[in-house]
Amino acid sequence: MGLGVMIIGAVAGAGGAIVLAPAALGAVGFTAAGIAANTMAAGMMAAAATANGGAVAAGSTVALLQSIGAAGLGAAATAAVGSAGAAVGSVGAE
């Protein structure tokens, strides 16, 4: 395939990833209202709390995902998700 197709794939992948990441987090239970009961997020939180003596550690994966679920993607996270989506999109367009 040509360079133009790869660029289109990269742009589509980046845009799709940025739009879908918050929706995907909400679907597994990381919501603006907190971690939803009986979801994958709740299971992750329980495991993280058990491993850390009863509390979820600040800066942990669960804490980061909940932060994104509550507030959305920040600039750095948007750039990272967009870059990953662009990489996948450009490879898929080959």
Protein backbone atom coordinates (compact mmCIF):
# COMPACT_ATOMS: atom_id res chain seq x y z
CA MET A 1 0.00 0.00 0.00
CA GLY A 2 1.03 3.58 -0.49
CA LEU A 3 2.11 6.19 1.98
CA GLY A 4 -1.24 7.96 1.66
CA VAL A 5 -3.11 4.87 2.86
CA MET A 6 -0.74 4.52 5.81
CA ILE A 7 -1.28 8.17 6.77
CA ILE A 8 -5.07 7.78 6.55
CA GLY A 9 -4.82 4.64 8.70
CA ALA A 10 -2.67 6.44 11.27
CA VAL A 11 -5.04 9.41 11.51
CA ALA A 12 -8.09 7.15 11.79
CA GLY A 13 -6.37 4.99 14.41
CA ALA A 14 -5.32 8.00 16.48
CA GLY A 15 -8.75 9.61 16.37
CA GLY A 16 -10.55 6.37 17.11
CA ALA A 17 -8.34 5.57 20.07
CA ILE A 18 -8.78 9.01 21.61
CA VAL A 19 -12.57 8.82 21.29
CA LEU A 20 -12.93 5.20 22.38
CA ALA A 21 -10.52 5.10 25.35
CA PRO A 22 -12.81 6.93 27.82
CA ALA A 23 -15.82 4.93 26.63
CA ALA A 24 -13.93 1.68 27.11
CA LEU A 25 -12.92 2.68 30.64
CA GLY A 26 -16.53 3.48 31.47
CA ALA A 27 -17.64 0.14 30.07
CA VAL A 28 -15.37 -1.77 32.45
CA GLY A 29 -16.45 0.29 35.45
CA PHE A 30 -14.19 3.35 35.76
CA THR A 31 -16.87 6.05 35.75
CA ALA A 32 -17.19 9.74 36.61
CA ALA A 33 -19.17 8.71 39.71
CA GLY A 34 -16.48 6.29 40.90
CA ILE A 35 -15.81 2.60 40.41
CA ALA A 36 -19.05 0.81 39.56
CA ALA A 37 -20.02 -2.22 41.67
CA ASN A 38 -19.67 -5.72 40.24
CA THR A 39 -17.45 -4.68 37.31
CA MET A 40 -13.94 -5.50 36.17
CA ALA A 41 -12.82 -2.21 37.74
CA ALA A 42 -14.26 -3.27 41.10
CA GLY A 43 -12.37 -6.53 40.90
CA MET A 44 -9.15 -4.71 40.06
CA MET A 45 -9.70 -2.31 42.96
CA ALA A 46 -10.31 -5.17 45.38
CA ALA A 47 -7.17 -6.98 44.26
CA ALA A 48 -5.08 -3.80 44.48
CA ALA A 49 -6.40 -2.99 47.94
CA THR A 50 -5.76 -6.53 49.18
CA ALA A 51 -2.20 -6.46 47.84
CA ASN A 52 -1.56 -3.08 49.47
CA GLY A 53 -2.91 -3.83 52.94
CA GLY A 54 -6.41 -2.46 52.44
CA ALA A 55 -5.93 0.69 50.39
CA VAL A 56 -5.37 1.40 46.73
CA ALA A 57 -1.96 3.01 46.34
CA ALA A 58 -1.82 6.50 44.85
CA GLY A 59 -0.31 6.36 41.39
CA SER A 60 -1.21 2.71 40.88
CA THR A 61 -2.78 1.45 37.67
CA VAL A 62 -6.22 1.33 39.30
CA ALA A 63 -5.85 4.88 40.62
CA LEU A 64 -4.69 6.14 37.21
CA LEU A 65 -7.54 4.44 35.35
CA GLN A 66 -10.11 5.79 37.81
CA SER A 67 -8.67 9.26 37.44
CA ILE A 68 -9.06 9.05 33.66
CA GLY A 69 -12.55 7.57 34.06
CA ALA A 70 -13.58 10.45 36.30
CA ALA A 71 -11.90 13.40 34.59
CA GLY A 72 -11.13 12.20 31.06
CA LEU A 73 -7.79 12.06 29.32
CA GLY A 74 -5.28 14.79 30.09
CA ALA A 75 -2.94 16.17 27.44
CA ALA A 76 -0.18 13.60 28.05
CA ALA A 77 -2.61 10.68 28.13
CA THR A 78 -4.33 11.93 24.96
CA ALA A 79 -0.96 12.08 23.22
CA ALA A 80 -0.02 8.58 24.38
CA VAL A 81 -3.36 7.03 23.40
CA GLY A 82 -3.33 8.86 20.07
CA SER A 83 0.21 7.68 19.32
CA ALA A 84 -0.68 4.08 20.10
CA GLY A 85 -3.80 4.32 17.95
CA ALA A 86 -1.81 5.85 15.08
CA ALA A 87 0.74 3.03 15.26
CA VAL A 88 -1.98 0.39 15.14
CA GLY A 89 -3.85 2.22 12.39
CA SER A 90 -0.80 2.59 10.17
CA VAL A 91 0.16 -1.09 10.55
CA GLY A 92 -3.41 -2.15 9.79
CA ALA A 93 -3.36 -0.06 6.61
CA GLU A 94 -0.30 -1.85 5.19
